Amino acid sequence: MRIIYLFYILLFLSTSTFGQRDYSYMPSRRNFKVKYTTYDHNNRKEFSEIWKLVGKVKYTKSIKYNIESEITTKDQKTIYQYFHLSTQDSNFYIGAVRYLDPIQLDSYQKMVIKVLADSVNIPIRPKMGQMLPEATCSAKIMRGTGSVLMSMNVILINRKVDGTEIVETPAGKFKCFKISSEKISYSGMSIKKTKIMEWYAINVGLVRMEEYHKNGKLISYKVLESLVEDFFIP
């Protein structure tokens, strides 16, 4: 599955179709907010994210979630992004755009950014050692003439289910599936290769994420700080 994102168009789909809890990697009650914080290798805060469900549509064999992400940088600047998550059959899909650097993207906020992204496959009932499909994402920063000024690209390869682990965060303890992958990021002549570890919990989603240099040194990590469901909307 491939999804085209245009970062000057805010997508709001109908919020009239809501169920209770679905067996997937996101909370799926009427409303929810999840907060993540990303830290560098010295435990210094880089930015926080609040994901909010703004719409959910159920189809015959799939569910599409519409997510608003509010990102607050360490200098208190606020950035908004909008993306989709979906479930189909026994798989959950997250747009690969999530693996791009949101702070770097925001430096081009006054320009049109076109993002072509695969949907990253996360099996709902994974098996130990299971190899998962590769995924790519390309963000093109456009000139006013319509030509491409530059592009940022991410490729996820060698994705594998490593097993289950109990992960503790400020939001609580969760039984998680651990998924590892290699990430190749390139823009122009610059190429960067890193390793990613991710932990996902059923009916919660991403609980923790770590990124490492090839030599094994930690670059940064993201943790689930809080999860609120069914809050009141006036």
C-alpha atoms as a PDB file:
ATOM      1  CA  MET A   1       0.000   0.000   0.000  1.00  0.00           C
ATOM      2  CA  ARG A   2       1.271   3.510  -0.815  1.00  0.00           C
ATOM      3  CA  ILE A   3      -0.076   6.792   0.464  1.00  0.00           C
ATOM      4  CA  ILE A   4       0.564  10.287  -0.950  1.00  0.00           C
ATOM      5  CA  TYR A   5       0.699  13.080   1.628  1.00  0.00           C
ATOM      6  CA  LEU A   6       0.593  16.805   0.706  1.00  0.00           C
ATOM      7  CA  PHE A   7       1.711  18.907   3.651  1.00  0.00           C
ATOM      8  CA  TYR A   8      -0.418  21.937   2.811  1.00  0.00           C
ATOM      9  CA  ILE A   9      -3.684  20.022   2.875  1.00  0.00           C
ATOM     10  CA  LEU A  10      -5.247  19.096   6.208  1.00  0.00           C
ATOM     11  CA  LEU A  11      -7.330  15.976   5.910  1.00  0.00           C
ATOM     12  CA  PHE A  12     -10.354  15.619   8.136  1.00  0.00           C
ATOM     13  CA  LEU A  13     -12.608  12.641   7.496  1.00  0.00           C
ATOM     14  CA  SER A  14     -15.914  11.847   9.141  1.00  0.00           C
ATOM     15  CA  THR A  15     -15.771  11.176  12.896  1.00  0.00           C
ATOM     16  CA  SER A  16     -19.224   9.681  12.960  1.00  0.00           C
ATOM     17  CA  THR A  17     -18.136   6.036  12.794  1.00  0.00           C
ATOM     18  CA  PHE A  18     -16.549   4.952  16.066  1.00  0.00           C
ATOM     19  CA  GLY A  19     -16.447   1.565  17.737  1.00  0.00           C
ATOM     20  CA  GLN A  20     -15.151   0.522  21.079  1.00  0.00           C
ATOM     21  CA  ARG A  21     -11.783  -1.212  21.400  1.00  0.00           C
ATOM     22  CA  ASP A  22     -10.400  -2.928  18.296  1.00  0.00           C
ATOM     23  CA  TYR A  23      -7.550  -5.454  18.350  1.00  0.00           C
ATOM     24  CA  SER A  24      -4.878  -3.296  16.776  1.00  0.00           C
ATOM     25  CA  TYR A  25      -1.868  -1.129  17.638  1.00  0.00           C
ATOM     26  CA  MET A  26      -3.795   2.030  18.482  1.00  0.00           C
ATOM     27  CA  PRO A  27      -6.356   2.860  21.166  1.00  0.00           C
ATOM     28  CA  SER A  28      -9.669   2.969  19.356  1.00  0.00           C
ATOM     29  CA  ARG A  29     -12.344   4.280  21.643  1.00  0.00           C
ATOM     30  CA  ARG A  30     -14.258   7.440  20.866  1.00  0.00           C
ATOM     31  CA  ASN A  31     -11.352   9.778  21.693  1.00  0.00           C
ATOM     32  CA  PHE A  32      -7.733   9.355  22.687  1.00  0.00           C
ATOM     33  CA  LYS A  33      -4.480  11.233  23.060  1.00  0.00           C
ATOM     34  CA  VAL A  34      -1.038   9.682  23.341  1.00  0.00           C
ATOM     35  CA  LYS A  35       2.035  11.670  24.280  1.00  0.00           C
ATOM     36  CA  TYR A  36       5.606  10.766  23.328  1.00  0.00           C
ATOM     37  CA  THR A  37       8.879  12.430  24.252  1.00  0.00           C
ATOM     38  CA  THR A  38      12.106  12.037  22.284  1.00  0.00           C
ATOM     39  CA  TYR A  39      15.468  12.307  24.059  1.00  0.00           C
ATOM     40  CA  ASP A  40      19.035  12.379  22.769  1.00  0.00           C
ATOM     41  CA  HIS A  41      21.772   9.965  23.869  1.00  0.00           C
ATOM     42  CA  ASN A  42      22.457  12.155  26.918  1.00  0.00           C
ATOM     43  CA  ASN A  43      18.815  12.009  28.049  1.00  0.00           C
ATOM     44  CA  ARG A  44      18.182  15.608  26.974  1.00  0.00           C
ATOM     45  CA  LYS A  45      14.693  16.324  25.689  1.00  0.00           C
ATOM     46  CA  GLU A  46      14.557  17.032  21.946  1.00  0.00           C
ATOM     47  CA  PHE A  47      10.807  17.327  21.340  1.00  0.00           C
ATOM     48  CA  SER A  48       7.426  15.972  22.416  1.00  0.00           C
ATOM     49  CA  GLU A  49       4.514  14.736  20.327  1.00  0.00           C
ATOM     50  CA  ILE A  50       0.821  14.421  21.098  1.00  0.00           C
ATOM     51  CA  TRP A  51      -1.117  12.141  18.765  1.00  0.00           C
ATOM     52  CA  LYS A  52      -4.851  12.767  18.747  1.00  0.00           C
ATOM     53  CA  LEU A  53      -7.516  10.726  16.991  1.00  0.00           C
ATOM     54  CA  VAL A  54      -9.571  13.151  14.899  1.00  0.00           C
ATOM     55  CA  GLY A  55     -11.499  10.586  12.862  1.00  0.00           C
ATOM     56  CA  LYS A  56     -11.980   6.877  12.301  1.00  0.00           C
ATOM     57  CA  VAL A  57     -13.761   5.147   9.454  1.00  0.00           C
ATOM     58  CA  LYS A  58     -14.629   1.445   9.399  1.00  0.00           C
ATOM     59  CA  TYR A  59     -14.788  -0.370   6.077  1.00  0.00           C
ATOM     60  CA  THR A  60     -15.761  -3.982   5.435  1.00  0.00           C
ATOM     61  CA  LYS A  61     -12.266  -5.376   5.994  1.00  0.00           C
ATOM     62  CA  SER A  62     -10.282  -2.418   7.292  1.00  0.00           C
ATOM     63  CA  ILE A  63     -10.244   0.598   9.610  1.00  0.00           C
ATOM     64  CA  LYS A  64      -8.650   3.956   8.799  1.00  0.00           C
ATOM     65  CA  TYR A  65      -7.514   6.267  11.612  1.00  0.00           C
ATOM     66  CA  ASN A  66      -6.970   9.989  11.038  1.00  0.00           C
ATOM     67  CA  ILE A  67      -4.311  11.363  13.369  1.00  0.00           C
ATOM     68  CA  GLU A  68      -3.303  14.904  14.279  1.00  0.00           C
ATOM     69  CA  SER A  69       0.237  15.154  15.654  1.00  0.00           C
ATOM     70  CA  GLU A  70       1.139  18.228  17.702  1.00  0.00           C
ATOM     71  CA  ILE A  71       4.927  18.490  18.035  1.00  0.00           C
ATOM     72  CA  THR A  72       6.525  20.837  20.563  1.00  0.00           C
ATOM     73  CA  THR A  73      10.244  21.516  20.161  1.00  0.00           C
ATOM     74  CA  LYS A  74      12.678  22.199  23.012  1.00  0.00           C
ATOM     75  CA  ASP A  75      12.399  25.935  22.291  1.00  0.00           C
ATOM     76  CA  GLN A  76       8.587  25.656  22.619  1.00  0.00           C
ATOM     77  CA  LYS A  77       7.798  25.962  18.924  1.00  0.00           C
ATOM     78  CA  THR A  78       4.672  24.054  17.864  1.00  0.00           C
ATOM     79  CA  ILE A  79       4.415  22.042  14.633  1.00  0.00           C
ATOM     80  CA  TYR A  80       1.333  20.225  13.339  1.00  0.00           C
ATOM     81  CA  GLN A  81       1.302  17.180  11.064  1.00  0.00           C
ATOM     82  CA  TYR A  82      -1.579  15.001   9.878  1.00  0.00           C
ATOM     83  CA  PHE A  83      -1.328  11.357   8.865  1.00  0.00           C
ATOM     84  CA  HIS A  84      -3.231   8.082   8.625  1.00  0.00           C
ATOM     85  CA  LEU A  85      -2.978   4.696  10.289  1.00  0.00           C
ATOM     86  CA  SER A  86      -4.947   1.672   9.128  1.00  0.00           C
ATOM     87  CA  THR A  87      -5.721  -1.959   9.892  1.00  0.00           C
ATOM     88  CA  GLN A  88      -6.501  -4.623   7.336  1.00  0.00           C
ATOM     89  CA  ASP A  89      -6.805  -8.378   7.826  1.00  0.00           C
ATOM     90  CA  SER A  90      -4.103  -9.297  10.384  1.00  0.00           C
ATOM     91  CA  ASN A  91      -1.873  -6.293   9.739  1.00  0.00           C
ATOM     92  CA  PHE A  92      -1.518  -2.760  11.019  1.00  0.00           C
ATOM     93  CA  TYR A  93      -0.061  -0.056   8.794  1.00  0.00           C
ATOM     94  CA  ILE A  94       1.800   3.127   9.728  1.00  0.00           C
ATOM     95  CA  GLY A  95       2.851   5.659   7.118  1.00  0.00           C
ATOM     96  CA  ALA A  96       6.634   5.649   6.642  1.00  0.00           C
ATOM     97  CA  VAL A  97       6.472   9.467   6.798  1.00  0.00           C
ATOM     98  CA  ARG A  98       6.702   8.993  10.576  1.00  0.00           C
ATOM     99  CA  TYR A  99      10.370   8.035  10.129  1.00  0.00           C
ATOM    100  CA  LEU A 100      11.294  11.409   8.632  1.00  0.00           C
ATOM    101  CA  ASP A 101      12.740  14.078  10.923  1.00  0.00           C
ATOM    102  CA  PRO A 102       9.796  16.419  11.718  1.00  0.00           C
ATOM    103  CA  ILE A 103      12.101  19.237  12.831  1.00  0.00           C
ATOM    104  CA  GLN A 104      14.000  19.110   9.550  1.00  0.00           C
ATOM    105  CA  LEU A 105      10.744  19.079   7.595  1.00  0.00           C
ATOM    106  CA  ASP A 106       9.478  22.109   9.505  1.00  0.00           C
ATOM    107  CA  SER A 107      12.440  24.166   8.319  1.00  0.00           C
ATOM    108  CA  TYR A 108      10.667  24.133   4.939  1.00  0.00           C
ATOM    109  CA  GLN A 109       7.203  24.927   6.345  1.00  0.00           C
ATOM    110  CA  LYS A 110       6.660  27.851   3.965  1.00  0.00           C
ATOM    111  CA  MET A 111       7.118  25.576   0.963  1.00  0.00           C
ATOM    112  CA  VAL A 112       4.978  22.772  -0.416  1.00  0.00           C
ATOM    113  CA  ILE A 113       6.278  19.343   0.624  1.00  0.00           C
ATOM    114  CA  LYS A 114       5.077  16.280  -1.265  1.00  0.00           C
ATOM    115  CA  VAL A 115       5.602  12.992   0.525  1.00  0.00           C
ATOM    116  CA  LEU A 116       5.286   9.611  -1.136  1.00  0.00           C
ATOM    117  CA  ALA A 117       5.333   6.928   1.556  1.00  0.00           C
ATOM    118  CA  ASP A 118       4.821   3.214   1.886  1.00  0.00           C
ATOM    119  CA  SER A 119       2.643   1.917   4.683  1.00  0.00           C
ATOM    120  CA  VAL A 120       4.900   0.152   7.173  1.00  0.00           C
ATOM    121  CA  ASN A 121       3.483  -3.305   7.902  1.00  0.00           C
ATOM    122  CA  ILE A 122       3.264  -4.349  11.560  1.00  0.00           C
ATOM    123  CA  PRO A 123       1.573  -7.766  11.987  1.00  0.00           C
ATOM    124  CA  ILE A 124      -1.064  -7.875  14.709  1.00  0.00           C
ATOM    125  CA  ARG A 125      -0.146 -11.479  15.554  1.00  0.00           C
ATOM    126  CA  PRO A 126       3.589 -11.548  14.786  1.00  0.00           C
ATOM    127  CA  LYS A 127       5.793 -14.626  15.032  1.00  0.00           C
ATOM    128  CA  MET A 128       9.278 -14.749  16.504  1.00  0.00           C
ATOM    129  CA  GLY A 129      11.847 -14.293  13.723  1.00  0.00           C
ATOM    130  CA  GLN A 130       9.237 -13.199  11.173  1.00  0.00           C
ATOM    131  CA  MET A 131      10.721 -11.021   8.419  1.00  0.00           C
ATOM    132  CA  LEU A 132       8.626  -7.996   7.473  1.00  0.00           C
ATOM    133  CA  PRO A 133       8.338  -6.063   4.184  1.00  0.00           C
ATOM    134  CA  GLU A 134      10.675  -3.181   3.453  1.00  0.00           C
ATOM    135  CA  ALA A 135       9.287   0.352   3.349  1.00  0.00           C
ATOM    136  CA  THR A 136      10.348   3.647   1.769  1.00  0.00           C
ATOM    137  CA  CYS A 137       9.476   7.316   2.110  1.00  0.00           C
ATOM    138  CA  SER A 138      10.447  10.288  -0.050  1.00  0.00           C
ATOM    139  CA  ALA A 139       9.768  13.936   0.819  1.00  0.00           C
ATOM    140  CA  LYS A 140      10.155  16.395  -2.035  1.00  0.00           C
ATOM    141  CA  ILE A 141      10.506  20.104  -1.247  1.00  0.00           C
ATOM    142  CA  MET A 142       9.021  21.994  -4.177  1.00  0.00           C
ATOM    143  CA  ARG A 143      10.018  25.345  -5.668  1.00  0.00           C
ATOM    144  CA  GLY A 144       7.340  27.842  -6.607  1.00  0.00           C
ATOM    145  CA  THR A 145       7.885  26.868 -10.248  1.00  0.00           C
ATOM    146  CA  GLY A 146       6.870  23.292  -9.466  1.00  0.00           C
ATOM    147  CA  SER A 147      10.370  21.838  -9.755  1.00  0.00           C
ATOM    148  CA  VAL A 148      12.025  19.896  -6.920  1.00  0.00           C
ATOM    149  CA  LEU A 149      14.415  21.907  -4.738  1.00  0.00           C
ATOM    150  CA  MET A 150      15.606  18.899  -2.742  1.00  0.00           C
ATOM    151  CA  SER A 151      14.388  15.566  -1.410  1.00  0.00           C
ATOM    152  CA  MET A 152      14.722  13.600   1.819  1.00  0.00           C
ATOM    153  CA  ASN A 153      14.470   9.827   1.650  1.00  0.00           C
ATOM    154  CA  VAL A 154      14.191   6.957   4.119  1.00  0.00           C
ATOM    155  CA  ILE A 155      14.373   3.210   3.459  1.00  0.00           C
ATOM    156  CA  LEU A 156      13.604   0.589   6.116  1.00  0.00           C
ATOM    157  CA  ILE A 157      15.219  -2.801   5.398  1.00  0.00           C
ATOM    158  CA  ASN A 158      15.876  -6.090   7.194  1.00  0.00           C
ATOM    159  CA  ARG A 159      12.789  -5.630   9.345  1.00  0.00           C
ATOM    160  CA  LYS A 160      12.301  -8.507  11.781  1.00  0.00           C
ATOM    161  CA  VAL A 161      10.189  -9.506  14.783  1.00  0.00           C
ATOM    162  CA  ASP A 162      12.669 -10.144  17.604  1.00  0.00           C
ATOM    163  CA  GLY A 163      10.197 -11.426  20.207  1.00  0.00           C
ATOM    164  CA  THR A 164       8.228 -10.077  23.180  1.00  0.00           C
ATOM    165  CA  GLU A 165       9.399  -7.972  26.110  1.00  0.00           C
ATOM    166  CA  ILE A 166       7.881  -6.124  29.057  1.00  0.00           C
ATOM    167  CA  VAL A 167       8.596  -2.410  28.647  1.00  0.00           C
ATOM    168  CA  GLU A 168       8.075   0.156  31.409  1.00  0.00           C
ATOM    169  CA  THR A 169       7.505   3.848  30.632  1.00  0.00           C
ATOM    170  CA  PRO A 170       5.935   6.761  32.558  1.00  0.00           C
ATOM    171  CA  ALA A 171       2.600   5.554  31.109  1.00  0.00           C
ATOM    172  CA  GLY A 172       2.934   2.096  32.708  1.00  0.00           C
ATOM    173  CA  LYS A 173       4.159  -1.417  31.967  1.00  0.00           C
ATOM    174  CA  PHE A 174       3.288  -3.046  28.647  1.00  0.00           C
ATOM    175  CA  LYS A 175       3.785  -6.430  27.042  1.00  0.00           C
ATOM    176  CA  CYS A 176       5.293  -5.533  23.679  1.00  0.00           C
ATOM    177  CA  PHE A 177       6.377  -7.057  20.404  1.00  0.00           C
ATOM    178  CA  LYS A 178       9.916  -5.946  19.569  1.00  0.00           C
ATOM    179  CA  ILE A 179      10.712  -5.129  15.931  1.00  0.00           C
ATOM    180  CA  SER A 180      14.174  -4.257  14.612  1.00  0.00           C
ATOM    181  CA  SER A 181      15.088  -2.697  11.273  1.00  0.00           C
ATOM    182  CA  GLU A 182      17.893  -0.941   9.464  1.00  0.00           C
ATOM    183  CA  LYS A 183      17.225   2.631   8.378  1.00  0.00           C
ATOM    184  CA  ILE A 184      18.944   4.273   5.412  1.00  0.00           C
ATOM    185  CA  SER A 185      18.463   8.049   5.197  1.00  0.00           C
ATOM    186  CA  TYR A 186      19.763  10.058   2.282  1.00  0.00           C
ATOM    187  CA  SER A 187      19.469  13.543   0.867  1.00  0.00           C
ATOM    188  CA  GLY A 188      21.623  14.599  -2.061  1.00  0.00           C
ATOM    189  CA  MET A 189      25.083  13.120  -1.519  1.00  0.00           C
ATOM    190  CA  SER A 190      24.550  12.527   2.213  1.00  0.00           C
ATOM    191  CA  ILE A 191      23.798   8.938   3.309  1.00  0.00           C
ATOM    192  CA  LYS A 192      23.240   7.810   6.899  1.00  0.00           C
ATOM    193  CA  LYS A 193      22.741   4.209   8.060  1.00  0.00           C
ATOM    194  CA  THR A 194      21.279   3.500  11.494  1.00  0.00           C
ATOM    195  CA  LYS A 195      19.489   0.712  13.367  1.00  0.00           C
ATOM    196  CA  ILE A 196      16.029   1.072  14.879  1.00  0.00           C
ATOM    197  CA  MET A 197      14.392  -0.886  17.702  1.00  0.00           C
ATOM    198  CA  GLU A 198      10.648  -0.479  18.251  1.00  0.00           C
ATOM    199  CA  TRP A 199       8.284  -1.898  20.856  1.00  0.00           C
ATOM    200  CA  TYR A 200       4.530  -2.106  20.148  1.00  0.00           C
ATOM    201  CA  ALA A 201       1.700  -3.109  22.487  1.00  0.00           C
ATOM    202  CA  ILE A 202      -1.761  -4.232  21.409  1.00  0.00           C
ATOM    203  CA  ASN A 203      -4.429  -1.525  21.851  1.00  0.00           C
ATOM    204  CA  VAL A 204      -1.707   0.979  22.716  1.00  0.00           C
ATOM    205  CA  GLY A 205       0.645   1.246  19.741  1.00  0.00           C
ATOM    206  CA  LEU A 206       4.230   2.425  19.871  1.00  0.00           C
ATOM    207  CA  VAL A 207       5.598   2.233  23.423  1.00  0.00           C
ATOM    208  CA  ARG A 208       9.296   2.851  22.862  1.00  0.00           C
ATOM    209  CA  MET A 209      11.684   3.463  19.969  1.00  0.00           C
ATOM    210  CA  GLU A 210      15.498   3.569  19.957  1.00  0.00           C
ATOM    211  CA  GLU A 211      17.869   4.549  17.151  1.00  0.00           C
ATOM    212  CA  TYR A 212      21.564   3.577  17.057  1.00  0.00           C
ATOM    213  CA  HIS A 213      24.645   4.298  14.977  1.00  0.00           C
ATOM    214  CA  LYS A 214      26.171   1.378  13.086  1.00  0.00           C
ATOM    215  CA  ASN A 215      28.755   1.036  15.874  1.00  0.00           C
ATOM    216  CA  GLY A 216      25.970   0.444  18.412  1.00  0.00           C
ATOM    217  CA  LYS A 217      26.051   3.865  20.092  1.00  0.00           C
ATOM    218  CA  LEU A 218      22.668   5.319  20.991  1.00  0.00           C
ATOM    219  CA  ILE A 219      21.484   8.331  18.935  1.00  0.00           C
ATOM    220  CA  SER A 220      18.065   8.979  20.463  1.00  0.00           C
ATOM    221  CA  TYR A 221      15.042   7.294  21.990  1.00  0.00           C
ATOM    222  CA  LYS A 222      11.298   7.953  22.142  1.00  0.00           C
ATOM    223  CA  VAL A 223       9.047   6.850  25.028  1.00  0.00           C
ATOM    224  CA  LEU A 224       5.315   6.798  25.652  1.00  0.00           C
ATOM    225  CA  GLU A 225       4.634   9.374  28.369  1.00  0.00           C
ATOM    226  CA  SER A 226       0.859   9.193  28.745  1.00  0.00           C
ATOM    227  CA  LEU A 227      -2.308   7.759  27.245  1.00  0.00           C
ATOM    228  CA  VAL A 228      -5.775   9.246  27.724  1.00  0.00           C
ATOM    229  CA  GLU A 229      -8.931   7.641  26.335  1.00  0.00           C
ATOM    230  CA  ASP A 230     -12.574   8.765  26.153  1.00  0.00           C
ATOM    231  CA  PHE A 231     -11.899  12.284  27.435  1.00  0.00           C
ATOM    232  CA  PHE A 232     -14.781  14.743  27.357  1.00  0.00           C
ATOM    233  CA  ILE A 233     -15.142  17.018  24.332  1.00  0.00           C
ATOM    234  CA  PRO A 234     -17.322  20.082  25.131  1.00  0.00           C
END
